[in-house]
């Protein structure tokens, strides 16, 4: 059996905090906040990309119409 299986949750939590402090990573709440922010930004990016693509279509259509 792997040694980690013998550890209780309290020891694992302390171990996680130790690693976090030594590596300088975000806390769980900070991580969740960053995940939510990233999701929101990805949604905004998708919206902006869609709007950009639609604008490009309109510009191409206007250029095509003006060519005749």
C-alpha atoms as a PDB file:
ATOM      1  CA  UNK A   1       0.000   0.000   0.000  1.00  0.00           C
ATOM      2  CA  UNK A   2       1.229   3.503  -0.835  1.00  0.00           C
ATOM      3  CA  UNK A   3       2.394   5.599   2.184  1.00  0.00           C
ATOM      4  CA  UNK A   4      -0.026   8.415   1.311  1.00  0.00           C
ATOM      5  CA  UNK A   5      -2.951   6.076   2.011  1.00  0.00           C
ATOM      6  CA  UNK A   6      -1.952   6.110   5.688  1.00  0.00           C
ATOM      7  CA  UNK A   7      -2.182   9.895   6.006  1.00  0.00           C
ATOM      8  CA  UNK A   8      -5.321  11.465   7.401  1.00  0.00           C
ATOM      9  CA  UNK A   9      -7.046  14.521   5.919  1.00  0.00           C
ATOM     10  CA  UNK A  10      -5.539  16.901   8.471  1.00  0.00           C
ATOM     11  CA  UNK A  11      -2.015  15.882   7.511  1.00  0.00           C
ATOM     12  CA  UNK A  12      -2.855  16.205   3.817  1.00  0.00           C
ATOM     13  CA  UNK A  13      -4.274  19.699   4.352  1.00  0.00           C
ATOM     14  CA  UNK A  14      -1.121  20.743   6.201  1.00  0.00           C
ATOM     15  CA  UNK A  15       0.989  19.213   3.442  1.00  0.00           C
ATOM     16  CA  UNK A  16      -0.988  21.124   0.792  1.00  0.00           C
ATOM     17  CA  UNK A  17      -0.503  24.401   2.685  1.00  0.00           C
ATOM     18  CA  UNK A  18       3.219  23.706   3.068  1.00  0.00           C
ATOM     19  CA  UNK A  19       3.615  23.056  -0.670  1.00  0.00           C
ATOM     20  CA  UNK A  20       1.535  26.131  -1.494  1.00  0.00           C
ATOM     21  CA  UNK A  21       3.661  28.346   0.752  1.00  0.00           C
ATOM     22  CA  UNK A  22       6.927  26.977  -0.633  1.00  0.00           C
ATOM     23  CA  UNK A  23       5.866  27.159  -4.273  1.00  0.00           C
ATOM     24  CA  UNK A  24       3.941  30.408  -3.919  1.00  0.00           C
ATOM     25  CA  UNK A  25       0.746  29.122  -5.537  1.00  0.00           C
ATOM     26  CA  UNK A  26      -2.709  30.613  -5.027  1.00  0.00           C
ATOM     27  CA  UNK A  27      -5.008  29.482  -2.233  1.00  0.00           C
ATOM     28  CA  UNK A  28      -8.065  27.419  -3.093  1.00  0.00           C
ATOM     29  CA  UNK A  29     -10.331  30.468  -2.924  1.00  0.00           C
ATOM     30  CA  UNK A  30      -7.913  32.478  -5.078  1.00  0.00           C
ATOM     31  CA  UNK A  31      -7.741  29.594  -7.552  1.00  0.00           C
ATOM     32  CA  UNK A  32     -11.540  29.373  -7.750  1.00  0.00           C
ATOM     33  CA  UNK A  33     -11.759  33.133  -8.239  1.00  0.00           C
ATOM     34  CA  UNK A  34      -9.171  32.956 -11.039  1.00  0.00           C
ATOM     35  CA  UNK A  35     -11.064  30.070 -12.662  1.00  0.00           C
ATOM     36  CA  UNK A  36     -14.298  32.103 -12.607  1.00  0.00           C
ATOM     37  CA  UNK A  37     -12.492  35.147 -14.018  1.00  0.00           C
ATOM     38  CA  UNK A  38     -10.915  33.054 -16.771  1.00  0.00           C
ATOM     39  CA  UNK A  39     -14.301  31.576 -17.677  1.00  0.00           C
ATOM     40  CA  UNK A  40     -15.830  35.056 -17.845  1.00  0.00           C
ATOM     41  CA  UNK A  41     -12.979  36.310 -20.022  1.00  0.00           C
ATOM     42  CA  UNK A  42     -13.296  33.299 -22.345  1.00  0.00           C
ATOM     43  CA  UNK A  43     -17.009  34.053 -22.739  1.00  0.00           C
ATOM     44  CA  UNK A  44     -16.276  37.711 -23.494  1.00  0.00           C
ATOM     45  CA  UNK A  45     -13.594  36.660 -25.980  1.00  0.00           C
ATOM     46  CA  UNK A  46     -16.067  34.354 -27.725  1.00  0.00           C
ATOM     47  CA  UNK A  47     -18.622  37.171 -27.935  1.00  0.00           C
ATOM     48  CA  UNK A  48     -16.052  39.626 -29.283  1.00  0.00           C
ATOM     49  CA  UNK A  49     -14.725  37.114 -31.788  1.00  0.00           C
ATOM     50  CA  UNK A  50     -18.243  36.479 -33.068  1.00  0.00           C
ATOM     51  CA  UNK A  51     -18.896  40.215 -33.380  1.00  0.00           C
ATOM     52  CA  UNK A  52     -15.554  40.675 -35.178  1.00  0.00           C
ATOM     53  CA  UNK A  53     -16.337  37.903 -37.640  1.00  0.00           C
ATOM     54  CA  UNK A  54     -19.759  39.399 -38.347  1.00  0.00           C
ATOM     55  CA  UNK A  55     -18.205  42.845 -38.907  1.00  0.00           C
ATOM     56  CA  UNK A  56     -15.653  41.340 -41.302  1.00  0.00           C
ATOM     57  CA  UNK A  57     -18.480  39.761 -43.314  1.00  0.00           C
ATOM     58  CA  UNK A  58     -20.262  43.109 -43.509  1.00  0.00           C
ATOM     59  CA  UNK A  59     -17.088  44.901 -44.621  1.00  0.00           C
ATOM     60  CA  UNK A  60     -16.435  42.285 -47.325  1.00  0.00           C
ATOM     61  CA  UNK A  61     -20.023  42.650 -48.514  1.00  0.00           C
ATOM     62  CA  UNK A  62     -19.716  46.450 -48.651  1.00  0.00           C
ATOM     63  CA  UNK A  63     -16.443  46.167 -50.585  1.00  0.00           C
ATOM     64  CA  UNK A  64     -18.067  43.727 -53.009  1.00  0.00           C
ATOM     65  CA  UNK A  65     -21.070  46.036 -53.530  1.00  0.00           C
ATOM     66  CA  UNK A  66     -18.863  49.093 -54.091  1.00  0.00           C
ATOM     67  CA  UNK A  67     -16.798  47.184 -56.654  1.00  0.00           C
ATOM     68  CA  UNK A  68     -19.805  47.117 -58.995  1.00  0.00           C
END
